[in-house]
Amino acid sequence: MPHDDHDHPHALLPPEPALRVKALETILTRKGLIDPAALDEIIDTYQNKIGPQNGAHVVARAWSDPAFKAALLEDATSVVADLGYYGRQGEHMVVVENTPEQHNMVVCTLCSCYPWPLLGIPPGWYKSDAYRARAVREPRKVLAEFGVTLPKNTAVRVWDSTAEIRYLVLPMRPEGADGLSEDELAALVTRDSMIGTGLPKEPS
């Protein structure tokens, strides 16, 4: 049936996403439903303390420690928990390794399931309908739009995150990174390389 009533609160919100979020925050704060300070602390935690640097640390260690890498690929949930990376959206982790023969890419086709303890807050494009649909249907085209062009003989496998399983891509260690410390290796790891839509940085 037609929806002609424009007196609902959502009709009064501005069209721009950032302004809509701020307007909703203001409304909820005035109603006493949220505490702005607590909200800011949560955002700061996931952006700056639980951000992609946690995942980068895991990848760097896997690059430099074969025993750690083997354990990570066998039981990622336990291994990352031992490092202190666990909690909401990270209850069951699976790490998939990129190789010259196979490139891995992660999507959540139903919503936006994402390994928050390792990568922080998911980027907007990860939650978009376009990415969720096209990553499965035409992954090579999507990768090309992210600037990733793979050899024709490299297969692309798309992993669908769910409420039960979150995936982290272990990218290939870039050439020329021998002899670097774990911290130096971690600096080469990008968020997108751990989703599969990007590659690590090249050593300078």
N, C-alpha and C. Protein backbone atom coordinates (compact mmCIF):
# COMPACT_ATOMS: atom_id res chain seq x y z
N MET A 1 0.84 -1.19 0.00
CA MET A 1 0.00 0.00 0.00
C MET A 1 0.88 1.24 0.00
N PRO A 2 0.37 2.36 -0.52
CA PRO A 2 1.19 3.56 -0.61
C PRO A 2 1.65 4.03 0.75
N HIS A 3 2.81 4.65 0.76
CA HIS A 3 3.37 5.18 2.00
C HIS A 3 3.46 6.69 1.84
N ASP A 4 2.34 7.37 2.11
CA ASP A 4 2.28 8.81 1.85
C ASP A 4 2.47 9.65 3.11
N ASP A 5 2.50 8.99 4.26
CA ASP A 5 2.59 9.74 5.51
C ASP A 5 4.04 10.14 5.74
N HIS A 6 4.33 11.42 5.69
CA HIS A 6 5.71 11.90 5.86
C HIS A 6 5.95 12.49 7.24
N ASP A 7 5.07 12.14 8.20
CA ASP A 7 5.23 12.68 9.54
C ASP A 7 6.04 11.76 10.44
N HIS A 8 6.44 10.58 9.91
CA HIS A 8 7.26 9.68 10.72
C HIS A 8 8.62 10.33 10.97
N PRO A 9 9.27 10.00 12.10
CA PRO A 9 10.58 10.59 12.41
C PRO A 9 11.60 10.42 11.30
N HIS A 10 11.60 9.24 10.61
CA HIS A 10 12.64 9.02 9.60
C HIS A 10 12.50 9.99 8.43
N ALA A 11 11.28 10.53 8.22
CA ALA A 11 11.07 11.47 7.13
C ALA A 11 11.69 12.82 7.44
N LEU A 12 11.96 13.06 8.72
CA LEU A 12 12.53 14.34 9.13
C LEU A 12 14.04 14.31 9.18
N LEU A 13 14.64 13.13 8.96
CA LEU A 13 16.09 13.01 9.01
C LEU A 13 16.72 13.50 7.71
N PRO A 14 17.92 14.10 7.79
CA PRO A 14 18.59 14.57 6.57
C PRO A 14 19.00 13.41 5.69
N PRO A 15 19.17 13.64 4.38
CA PRO A 15 19.49 12.56 3.45
C PRO A 15 20.92 12.05 3.56
N GLU A 16 21.88 12.91 3.95
CA GLU A 16 23.27 12.49 3.99
C GLU A 16 23.47 11.49 5.14
N PRO A 17 24.17 10.35 4.89
CA PRO A 17 24.35 9.32 5.92
C PRO A 17 24.95 9.86 7.22
N ALA A 18 26.02 10.67 7.11
CA ALA A 18 26.67 11.16 8.33
C ALA A 18 25.73 12.03 9.15
N LEU A 19 24.96 12.86 8.46
CA LEU A 19 24.02 13.73 9.17
C LEU A 19 22.88 12.91 9.76
N ARG A 20 22.47 11.87 9.07
CA ARG A 20 21.40 11.01 9.59
C ARG A 20 21.87 10.32 10.88
N VAL A 21 23.10 9.84 10.86
CA VAL A 21 23.64 9.19 12.06
C VAL A 21 23.68 10.17 13.22
N LYS A 22 24.15 11.39 12.95
CA LYS A 22 24.23 12.39 14.01
C LYS A 22 22.84 12.75 14.53
N ALA A 23 21.88 12.87 13.62
CA ALA A 23 20.51 13.19 14.03
C ALA A 23 19.93 12.08 14.89
N LEU A 24 20.14 10.82 14.48
CA LEU A 24 19.65 9.69 15.27
C LEU A 24 20.32 9.65 16.64
N GLU A 25 21.62 9.93 16.66
CA GLU A 25 22.34 9.95 17.94
C GLU A 25 21.75 11.01 18.87
N THR A 26 21.45 12.17 18.31
CA THR A 26 20.87 13.26 19.10
C THR A 26 19.51 12.86 19.66
N ILE A 27 18.68 12.26 18.82
CA ILE A 27 17.34 11.83 19.26
C ILE A 27 17.44 10.80 20.38
N LEU A 28 18.31 9.80 20.19
CA LEU A 28 18.45 8.73 21.18
C LEU A 28 19.04 9.26 22.48
N THR A 29 19.95 10.23 22.37
CA THR A 29 20.55 10.82 23.57
C THR A 29 19.50 11.59 24.37
N ARG A 30 18.69 12.37 23.67
CA ARG A 30 17.65 13.15 24.35
C ARG A 30 16.63 12.25 25.04
N LYS A 31 16.39 11.08 24.46
CA LYS A 31 15.45 10.13 25.06
C LYS A 31 16.11 9.31 26.18
N GLY A 32 17.40 9.52 26.38
CA GLY A 32 18.11 8.81 27.43
C GLY A 32 18.40 7.36 27.11
N LEU A 33 18.38 7.02 25.82
CA LEU A 33 18.58 5.64 25.41
C LEU A 33 20.05 5.29 25.19
N ILE A 34 20.89 6.29 24.95
CA ILE A 34 22.32 6.03 24.79
C ILE A 34 23.12 7.09 25.54
N ASP A 35 24.33 6.73 25.87
CA ASP A 35 25.27 7.65 26.51
C ASP A 35 26.33 8.03 25.48
N PRO A 36 26.38 9.29 25.05
CA PRO A 36 27.34 9.68 24.01
C PRO A 36 28.78 9.32 24.36
N ALA A 37 29.15 9.46 25.63
CA ALA A 37 30.52 9.15 26.04
C ALA A 37 30.82 7.67 25.83
N ALA A 38 29.86 6.82 26.20
CA ALA A 38 30.05 5.38 26.02
C ALA A 38 30.12 5.04 24.55
N LEU A 39 29.30 5.70 23.73
CA LEU A 39 29.32 5.46 22.29
C LEU A 39 30.66 5.87 21.69
N ASP A 40 31.18 7.02 22.10
CA ASP A 40 32.48 7.47 21.61
C ASP A 40 33.59 6.49 22.00
N GLU A 41 33.48 5.94 23.20
CA GLU A 41 34.50 5.00 23.67
C GLU A 41 34.47 3.71 22.84
N ILE A 42 33.26 3.24 22.51
CA ILE A 42 33.13 2.03 21.69
C ILE A 42 33.74 2.26 20.31
N ILE A 43 33.40 3.40 19.70
CA ILE A 43 33.92 3.72 18.37
C ILE A 43 35.44 3.84 18.39
N ASP A 44 35.97 4.52 19.42
CA ASP A 44 37.42 4.69 19.54
C ASP A 44 38.11 3.33 19.70
N THR A 45 37.48 2.45 20.48
CA THR A 45 38.06 1.13 20.70
C THR A 45 38.20 0.36 19.40
N TYR A 46 37.13 0.33 18.60
CA TYR A 46 37.18 -0.46 17.38
C TYR A 46 37.98 0.22 16.27
N GLN A 47 38.05 1.55 16.28
CA GLN A 47 38.81 2.24 15.24
C GLN A 47 40.31 2.25 15.53
N ASN A 48 40.66 2.43 16.81
CA ASN A 48 42.06 2.66 17.15
C ASN A 48 42.73 1.55 17.94
N LYS A 49 41.94 0.76 18.68
CA LYS A 49 42.53 -0.29 19.50
C LYS A 49 42.28 -1.68 18.93
N ILE A 50 41.15 -1.86 18.28
CA ILE A 50 40.81 -3.17 17.71
C ILE A 50 40.78 -3.06 16.19
N GLY A 51 41.45 -2.09 15.66
CA GLY A 51 41.43 -1.89 14.22
C GLY A 51 42.25 -2.93 13.48
N PRO A 52 42.48 -2.71 12.20
CA PRO A 52 43.21 -3.68 11.37
C PRO A 52 44.62 -4.00 11.86
N GLN A 53 45.15 -3.18 12.77
CA GLN A 53 46.51 -3.46 13.24
C GLN A 53 46.58 -4.80 13.97
N ASN A 54 45.47 -5.24 14.57
CA ASN A 54 45.47 -6.54 15.23
C ASN A 54 45.64 -7.66 14.19
N GLY A 55 44.86 -7.58 13.13
CA GLY A 55 44.99 -8.56 12.07
C GLY A 55 46.36 -8.51 11.43
N ALA A 56 46.90 -7.30 11.26
CA ALA A 56 48.23 -7.15 10.66
C ALA A 56 49.30 -7.82 11.52
N HIS A 57 49.13 -7.74 12.83
CA HIS A 57 50.08 -8.38 13.73
C HIS A 57 50.03 -9.90 13.55
N VAL A 58 48.82 -10.45 13.40
CA VAL A 58 48.67 -11.89 13.20
C VAL A 58 49.32 -12.32 11.88
N VAL A 59 49.07 -11.56 10.82
CA VAL A 59 49.64 -11.88 9.51
C VAL A 59 51.17 -11.81 9.56
N ALA A 60 51.69 -10.76 10.15
CA ALA A 60 53.15 -10.59 10.22
C ALA A 60 53.80 -11.75 10.97
N ARG A 61 53.15 -12.18 12.02
CA ARG A 61 53.72 -13.31 12.79
C ARG A 61 53.67 -14.59 11.96
N ALA A 62 52.58 -14.78 11.21
CA ALA A 62 52.47 -15.97 10.36
C ALA A 62 53.53 -15.95 9.27
N TRP A 63 53.84 -14.78 8.76
CA TRP A 63 54.88 -14.66 7.73
C TRP A 63 56.26 -15.03 8.27
N SER A 64 56.49 -14.76 9.55
CA SER A 64 57.84 -14.93 10.10
C SER A 64 58.01 -16.18 10.96
N ASP A 65 56.91 -16.87 11.26
CA ASP A 65 56.98 -18.02 12.16
C ASP A 65 56.17 -19.18 11.56
N PRO A 66 56.84 -20.14 10.89
CA PRO A 66 56.14 -21.24 10.23
C PRO A 66 55.26 -22.06 11.18
N ALA A 67 55.72 -22.29 12.40
CA ALA A 67 54.93 -23.07 13.36
C ALA A 67 53.65 -22.33 13.73
N PHE A 68 53.76 -21.02 13.91
CA PHE A 68 52.59 -20.21 14.23
C PHE A 68 51.61 -20.23 13.05
N LYS A 69 52.15 -20.11 11.84
CA LYS A 69 51.30 -20.13 10.65
C LYS A 69 50.53 -21.44 10.54
N ALA A 70 51.20 -22.55 10.77
CA ALA A 70 50.55 -23.85 10.69
C ALA A 70 49.42 -23.96 11.71
N ALA A 71 49.69 -23.49 12.93
CA ALA A 71 48.66 -23.54 13.97
C ALA A 71 47.50 -22.62 13.63
N LEU A 72 47.81 -21.47 13.06
CA LEU A 72 46.78 -20.49 12.69
C LEU A 72 45.84 -21.06 11.64
N LEU A 73 46.40 -21.73 10.64
CA LEU A 73 45.58 -22.30 9.58
C LEU A 73 44.76 -23.48 10.07
N GLU A 74 45.25 -24.14 11.11
CA GLU A 74 44.54 -25.31 11.64
C GLU A 74 43.42 -24.91 12.60
N ASP A 75 43.69 -23.93 13.47
CA ASP A 75 42.70 -23.53 14.49
C ASP A 75 42.87 -22.05 14.81
N ALA A 76 42.38 -21.22 13.90
CA ALA A 76 42.58 -19.77 14.05
C ALA A 76 41.92 -19.22 15.30
N THR A 77 40.75 -19.73 15.65
CA THR A 77 40.01 -19.21 16.81
C THR A 77 40.86 -19.27 18.08
N SER A 78 41.45 -20.43 18.33
CA SER A 78 42.26 -20.59 19.54
C SER A 78 43.54 -19.77 19.49
N VAL A 79 44.17 -19.75 18.32
CA VAL A 79 45.45 -19.06 18.19
C VAL A 79 45.29 -17.55 18.40
N VAL A 80 44.30 -16.95 17.76
CA VAL A 80 44.14 -15.50 17.92
C VAL A 80 43.62 -15.16 19.32
N ALA A 81 42.84 -16.07 19.92
CA ALA A 81 42.37 -15.84 21.29
C ALA A 81 43.54 -15.81 22.26
N ASP A 82 44.52 -16.68 22.02
CA ASP A 82 45.72 -16.71 22.87
C ASP A 82 46.49 -15.39 22.78
N LEU A 83 46.33 -14.69 21.66
CA LEU A 83 46.98 -13.38 21.50
C LEU A 83 46.15 -12.25 22.10
N GLY A 84 44.96 -12.60 22.58
CA GLY A 84 44.09 -11.59 23.18
C GLY A 84 43.06 -11.01 22.23
N TYR A 85 42.95 -11.60 21.04
CA TYR A 85 42.00 -11.10 20.04
C TYR A 85 40.77 -12.01 20.01
N TYR A 86 39.78 -11.64 20.75
CA TYR A 86 38.55 -12.43 20.80
C TYR A 86 37.41 -11.51 21.23
N GLY A 87 36.21 -12.05 21.20
CA GLY A 87 35.06 -11.25 21.61
C GLY A 87 33.99 -11.24 20.55
N ARG A 88 33.10 -10.27 20.66
CA ARG A 88 31.96 -10.18 19.76
C ARG A 88 32.41 -10.15 18.30
N GLN A 89 31.78 -10.92 17.46
CA GLN A 89 32.06 -11.04 16.02
C GLN A 89 33.39 -11.75 15.75
N GLY A 90 33.95 -12.37 16.77
CA GLY A 90 35.19 -13.10 16.53
C GLY A 90 35.19 -14.46 17.22
N GLU A 91 33.99 -15.01 17.44
CA GLU A 91 33.87 -16.25 18.19
C GLU A 91 34.42 -17.46 17.44
N HIS A 92 34.27 -17.48 16.13
CA HIS A 92 34.76 -18.62 15.35
C HIS A 92 35.47 -18.09 14.11
N MET A 93 36.80 -18.13 14.15
CA MET A 93 37.62 -17.58 13.07
C MET A 93 38.22 -18.69 12.22
N VAL A 94 38.28 -18.42 10.92
CA VAL A 94 38.97 -19.30 9.98
C VAL A 94 39.89 -18.43 9.14
N VAL A 95 41.15 -18.84 9.04
CA VAL A 95 42.13 -18.11 8.22
C VAL A 95 42.36 -18.90 6.94
N VAL A 96 42.27 -18.22 5.81
CA VAL A 96 42.50 -18.84 4.51
C VAL A 96 43.72 -18.19 3.86
N GLU A 97 44.59 -19.02 3.32
CA GLU A 97 45.89 -18.55 2.83
C GLU A 97 45.90 -18.31 1.32
N ASN A 98 46.36 -17.14 0.92
CA ASN A 98 46.58 -16.88 -0.50
C ASN A 98 47.85 -17.59 -0.95
N THR A 99 47.79 -18.12 -2.17
CA THR A 99 48.95 -18.79 -2.77
C THR A 99 49.01 -18.36 -4.23
N PRO A 100 50.09 -18.67 -4.93
CA PRO A 100 50.13 -18.35 -6.36
C PRO A 100 49.00 -19.02 -7.14
N GLU A 101 48.49 -20.13 -6.62
CA GLU A 101 47.43 -20.86 -7.32
C GLU A 101 46.03 -20.38 -6.95
N GLN A 102 45.86 -19.81 -5.75
CA GLN A 102 44.52 -19.39 -5.32
C GLN A 102 44.54 -18.09 -4.53
N HIS A 103 43.67 -17.18 -4.94
CA HIS A 103 43.48 -15.92 -4.22
C HIS A 103 42.12 -15.99 -3.52
N ASN A 104 42.11 -15.64 -2.25
CA ASN A 104 40.89 -15.70 -1.45
C ASN A 104 40.29 -14.31 -1.24
N MET A 105 38.98 -14.29 -1.19
CA MET A 105 38.24 -13.03 -1.05
C MET A 105 37.05 -13.28 -0.13
N VAL A 106 36.77 -12.36 0.77
CA VAL A 106 35.72 -12.56 1.77
C VAL A 106 34.57 -11.60 1.53
N VAL A 107 33.36 -12.12 1.72
CA VAL A 107 32.14 -11.33 1.60
C VAL A 107 31.14 -11.87 2.61
N CYS A 108 30.14 -11.08 2.94
CA CYS A 108 29.01 -11.59 3.70
C CYS A 108 27.78 -11.30 2.86
N THR A 109 27.22 -12.31 2.24
CA THR A 109 26.12 -12.08 1.29
C THR A 109 24.81 -11.75 1.98
N LEU A 110 24.68 -12.07 3.26
CA LEU A 110 23.41 -11.82 3.96
C LEU A 110 23.38 -10.47 4.67
N CYS A 111 24.49 -10.08 5.26
CA CYS A 111 24.49 -8.80 5.99
C CYS A 111 25.90 -8.21 5.96
N SER A 112 26.59 -8.21 7.10
CA SER A 112 27.94 -7.65 7.11
C SER A 112 28.80 -8.33 8.17
N CYS A 113 28.68 -9.65 8.29
CA CYS A 113 29.49 -10.39 9.26
C CYS A 113 30.97 -10.16 8.96
N TYR A 114 31.75 -9.88 10.00
CA TYR A 114 33.10 -9.35 9.82
C TYR A 114 33.89 -9.62 11.09
N PRO A 115 35.17 -9.94 11.02
CA PRO A 115 35.97 -10.25 12.22
C PRO A 115 36.41 -8.99 12.98
N TRP A 116 35.50 -8.41 13.72
CA TRP A 116 35.78 -7.16 14.43
C TRP A 116 37.04 -7.20 15.30
N PRO A 117 37.27 -8.26 16.09
CA PRO A 117 38.46 -8.23 16.95
C PRO A 117 39.78 -8.12 16.19
N LEU A 118 39.78 -8.53 14.91
CA LEU A 118 41.01 -8.47 14.12
C LEU A 118 41.05 -7.31 13.15
N LEU A 119 39.91 -6.89 12.64
CA LEU A 119 39.89 -5.85 11.60
C LEU A 119 39.14 -4.59 12.00
N GLY A 120 38.52 -4.57 13.16
CA GLY A 120 37.80 -3.37 13.57
C GLY A 120 36.45 -3.26 12.88
N ILE A 121 36.01 -2.03 12.65
CA ILE A 121 34.70 -1.78 12.05
C ILE A 121 34.75 -2.03 10.54
N PRO A 122 33.78 -2.75 9.99
CA PRO A 122 33.81 -3.01 8.55
C PRO A 122 33.64 -1.73 7.73
N PRO A 123 34.35 -1.63 6.61
CA PRO A 123 34.19 -0.44 5.75
C PRO A 123 32.81 -0.42 5.11
N GLY A 124 32.39 0.77 4.71
CA GLY A 124 31.06 0.92 4.13
C GLY A 124 30.84 0.07 2.91
N TRP A 125 31.84 -0.04 2.04
CA TRP A 125 31.67 -0.81 0.81
C TRP A 125 31.45 -2.28 1.09
N TYR A 126 32.00 -2.79 2.20
CA TYR A 126 31.84 -4.21 2.54
C TYR A 126 30.37 -4.52 2.84
N LYS A 127 29.66 -3.53 3.36
CA LYS A 127 28.25 -3.72 3.73
C LYS A 127 27.29 -3.39 2.59
N SER A 128 27.82 -2.88 1.49
CA SER A 128 26.95 -2.43 0.39
C SER A 128 26.33 -3.61 -0.36
N ASP A 129 25.14 -3.38 -0.88
CA ASP A 129 24.46 -4.42 -1.66
C ASP A 129 25.27 -4.80 -2.90
N ALA A 130 25.90 -3.80 -3.51
CA ALA A 130 26.66 -4.05 -4.74
C ALA A 130 27.81 -5.01 -4.49
N TYR A 131 28.60 -4.76 -3.44
CA TYR A 131 29.73 -5.64 -3.15
C TYR A 131 29.25 -7.04 -2.79
N ARG A 132 28.24 -7.12 -1.96
CA ARG A 132 27.75 -8.41 -1.49
C ARG A 132 27.24 -9.27 -2.65
N ALA A 133 26.66 -8.64 -3.65
CA ALA A 133 26.14 -9.40 -4.79
C ALA A 133 27.23 -9.69 -5.82
N ARG A 134 28.04 -8.69 -6.13
CA ARG A 134 28.99 -8.84 -7.23
C ARG A 134 30.23 -9.63 -6.85
N ALA A 135 30.59 -9.63 -5.56
CA ALA A 135 31.78 -10.37 -5.14
C ALA A 135 31.64 -11.85 -5.46
N VAL A 136 30.43 -12.37 -5.38
CA VAL A 136 30.18 -13.78 -5.67
C VAL A 136 30.02 -13.99 -7.17
N ARG A 137 29.33 -13.08 -7.83
CA ARG A 137 28.99 -13.26 -9.24
C ARG A 137 30.17 -12.98 -10.18
N GLU A 138 30.93 -11.93 -9.89
CA GLU A 138 32.02 -11.53 -10.77
C GLU A 138 33.22 -11.03 -9.94
N PRO A 139 33.84 -11.93 -9.18
CA PRO A 139 34.91 -11.52 -8.27
C PRO A 139 36.10 -10.86 -8.97
N ARG A 140 36.47 -11.32 -10.14
CA ARG A 140 37.63 -10.73 -10.82
C ARG A 140 37.36 -9.27 -11.21
N LYS A 141 36.16 -8.98 -11.64
CA LYS A 141 35.82 -7.59 -11.97
C LYS A 141 35.86 -6.71 -10.74
N VAL A 142 35.34 -7.25 -9.63
CA VAL A 142 35.37 -6.49 -8.38
C VAL A 142 36.80 -6.25 -7.94
N LEU A 143 37.64 -7.27 -8.02
CA LEU A 143 39.05 -7.11 -7.64
C LEU A 143 39.73 -6.07 -8.52
N ALA A 144 39.43 -6.09 -9.82
CA ALA A 144 40.02 -5.11 -10.73
C ALA A 144 39.65 -3.69 -10.34
N GLU A 145 38.41 -3.51 -9.86
CA GLU A 145 37.97 -2.18 -9.44
C GLU A 145 38.70 -1.73 -8.18
N PHE A 146 39.21 -2.69 -7.41
CA PHE A 146 40.02 -2.38 -6.23
C PHE A 146 41.50 -2.25 -6.60
N GLY A 147 41.80 -2.42 -7.87
CA GLY A 147 43.18 -2.30 -8.32
C GLY A 147 43.97 -3.59 -8.26
N VAL A 148 43.29 -4.72 -8.11
CA VAL A 148 43.96 -6.02 -8.02
C VAL A 148 43.72 -6.80 -9.31
N THR A 149 44.79 -7.04 -10.06
CA THR A 149 44.70 -7.85 -11.27
C THR A 149 45.55 -9.09 -11.07
N LEU A 150 44.91 -10.24 -11.14
CA LEU A 150 45.59 -11.50 -10.87
C LEU A 150 45.98 -12.20 -12.16
N PRO A 151 47.00 -13.05 -12.13
CA PRO A 151 47.31 -13.88 -13.30
C PRO A 151 46.12 -14.76 -13.66
N LYS A 152 45.97 -15.06 -14.93
CA LYS A 152 44.83 -15.85 -15.37
C LYS A 152 44.81 -17.24 -14.76
N ASN A 153 45.98 -17.76 -14.43
CA ASN A 153 46.03 -19.12 -13.87
C ASN A 153 45.84 -19.13 -12.35
N THR A 154 45.59 -17.97 -11.75
CA THR A 154 45.29 -17.92 -10.31
C THR A 154 43.78 -17.96 -10.12
N ALA A 155 43.32 -18.99 -9.45
CA ALA A 155 41.89 -19.13 -9.18
C ALA A 155 41.47 -18.14 -8.08
N VAL A 156 40.22 -17.72 -8.11
CA VAL A 156 39.66 -16.84 -7.07
C VAL A 156 38.59 -17.62 -6.33
N ARG A 157 38.75 -17.73 -5.03
CA ARG A 157 37.74 -18.39 -4.20
C ARG A 157 37.11 -17.36 -3.28
N VAL A 158 35.80 -17.31 -3.27
CA VAL A 158 35.06 -16.36 -2.44
C VAL A 158 34.49 -17.10 -1.24
N TRP A 159 34.78 -16.57 -0.05
CA TRP A 159 34.31 -17.16 1.20
C TRP A 159 33.19 -16.29 1.76
N ASP A 160 32.09 -16.93 2.13
CA ASP A 160 30.91 -16.21 2.62
C ASP A 160 30.87 -16.26 4.14
N SER A 161 31.18 -15.13 4.78
CA SER A 161 31.11 -15.06 6.24
C SER A 161 29.67 -15.18 6.70
N THR A 162 29.50 -15.78 7.86
CA THR A 162 28.17 -15.95 8.43
C THR A 162 28.21 -15.60 9.91
N ALA A 163 27.07 -15.73 10.56
CA ALA A 163 27.02 -15.47 12.00
C ALA A 163 27.85 -16.51 12.77
N GLU A 164 28.11 -17.66 12.13
CA GLU A 164 28.87 -18.71 12.79
C GLU A 164 30.36 -18.65 12.49
N ILE A 165 30.74 -18.19 11.30
CA ILE A 165 32.15 -18.22 10.88
C ILE A 165 32.55 -16.89 10.28
N ARG A 166 33.69 -16.36 10.75
CA ARG A 166 34.30 -15.18 10.13
C ARG A 166 35.64 -15.59 9.53
N TYR A 167 35.94 -15.02 8.37
CA TYR A 167 37.16 -15.37 7.67
C TYR A 167 38.17 -14.22 7.67
N LEU A 168 39.44 -14.59 7.71
CA LEU A 168 40.53 -13.64 7.55
C LEU A 168 41.46 -14.19 6.48
N VAL A 169 41.81 -13.37 5.51
CA VAL A 169 42.73 -13.80 4.46
C VAL A 169 44.17 -13.59 4.93
N LEU A 170 44.98 -14.63 4.75
CA LEU A 170 46.42 -14.52 4.99
C LEU A 170 47.07 -14.23 3.64
N PRO A 171 47.40 -12.97 3.37
CA PRO A 171 47.97 -12.64 2.06
C PRO A 171 49.38 -13.20 1.90
N MET A 172 49.82 -13.27 0.67
CA MET A 172 51.19 -13.73 0.42
C MET A 172 52.18 -12.65 0.85
N ARG A 173 53.26 -13.09 1.45
CA ARG A 173 54.31 -12.16 1.86
C ARG A 173 54.93 -11.52 0.62
N PRO A 174 55.02 -10.19 0.58
CA PRO A 174 55.57 -9.55 -0.63
C PRO A 174 57.06 -9.84 -0.80
N GLU A 175 57.48 -9.86 -2.03
CA GLU A 175 58.90 -10.07 -2.31
C GLU A 175 59.72 -8.91 -1.77
N GLY A 176 60.92 -9.22 -1.33
CA GLY A 176 61.79 -8.18 -0.80
C GLY A 176 61.57 -7.89 0.67
N ALA A 177 60.73 -8.73 1.34
CA ALA A 177 60.44 -8.48 2.76
C ALA A 177 61.28 -9.35 3.69
N ASP A 178 62.23 -10.05 3.13
CA ASP A 178 63.10 -10.89 3.97
C ASP A 178 63.92 -10.01 4.91
N GLY A 179 64.08 -10.50 6.12
CA GLY A 179 64.91 -9.78 7.09
C GLY A 179 64.19 -8.69 7.85
N LEU A 180 62.93 -8.43 7.52
CA LEU A 180 62.19 -7.40 8.24
C LEU A 180 61.67 -7.94 9.57
N SER A 181 61.56 -7.07 10.56
CA SER A 181 61.00 -7.46 11.86
C SER A 181 59.50 -7.63 11.74
N GLU A 182 58.87 -8.21 12.77
CA GLU A 182 57.42 -8.38 12.74
C GLU A 182 56.71 -7.03 12.64
N ASP A 183 57.21 -6.05 13.35
CA ASP A 183 56.58 -4.72 13.28
C ASP A 183 56.70 -4.13 11.88
N GLU A 184 57.85 -4.33 11.25
CA GLU A 184 58.04 -3.83 9.89
C GLU A 184 57.15 -4.58 8.90
N LEU A 185 56.99 -5.88 9.12
CA LEU A 185 56.11 -6.67 8.27
C LEU A 185 54.66 -6.24 8.46
N ALA A 186 54.27 -6.01 9.70
CA ALA A 186 52.89 -5.62 9.99
C ALA A 186 52.53 -4.31 9.28
N ALA A 187 53.52 -3.43 9.12
CA ALA A 187 53.27 -2.15 8.46
C ALA A 187 52.95 -2.33 6.98
N LEU A 188 53.29 -3.50 6.42
CA LEU A 188 53.02 -3.77 5.01
C LEU A 188 51.61 -4.33 4.79
N VAL A 189 50.99 -4.78 5.87
CA VAL A 189 49.69 -5.46 5.76
C VAL A 189 48.57 -4.42 5.77
N THR A 190 47.73 -4.46 4.76
CA THR A 190 46.59 -3.54 4.68
C THR A 190 45.30 -4.25 5.08
N ARG A 191 44.33 -3.46 5.49
CA ARG A 191 43.03 -4.04 5.83
C ARG A 191 42.46 -4.81 4.65
N ASP A 192 42.52 -4.20 3.46
CA ASP A 192 41.92 -4.84 2.29
C ASP A 192 42.62 -6.14 1.92
N SER A 193 43.92 -6.24 2.21
CA SER A 193 44.63 -7.48 1.89
C SER A 193 44.15 -8.62 2.77
N MET A 194 43.59 -8.30 3.94
CA MET A 194 43.08 -9.33 4.84
C MET A 194 41.62 -9.66 4.56
N ILE A 195 40.98 -8.87 3.69
CA ILE A 195 39.64 -9.18 3.18
C ILE A 195 39.77 -9.89 1.83
N GLY A 196 40.88 -9.61 1.16
CA GLY A 196 41.12 -10.21 -0.15
C GLY A 196 40.88 -9.25 -1.30
N THR A 197 40.51 -8.02 -0.98
CA THR A 197 40.26 -7.03 -2.04
C THR A 197 41.48 -6.13 -2.27
N GLY A 198 42.58 -6.49 -1.66
CA GLY A 198 43.80 -5.72 -1.84
C GLY A 198 45.00 -6.61 -1.65
N LEU A 199 46.18 -6.04 -1.81
CA LEU A 199 47.44 -6.76 -1.63
C LEU A 199 48.27 -6.01 -0.60
N PRO A 200 49.23 -6.69 0.04
CA PRO A 200 50.11 -5.98 0.96
C PRO A 200 50.93 -4.91 0.23
N LYS A 201 51.43 -3.97 0.99
CA LYS A 201 52.31 -2.95 0.43
C LYS A 201 53.67 -3.61 0.09
N GLU A 202 54.33 -3.00 -0.88
CA GLU A 202 55.68 -3.46 -1.21
C GLU A 202 56.67 -2.79 -0.25
N PRO A 203 57.72 -3.51 0.15
CA PRO A 203 58.74 -2.89 1.02
C PRO A 203 59.39 -1.71 0.33
N SER A 204 59.66 -0.67 1.05
CA SER A 204 60.29 0.52 0.44
C SER A 204 61.79 0.29 0.30
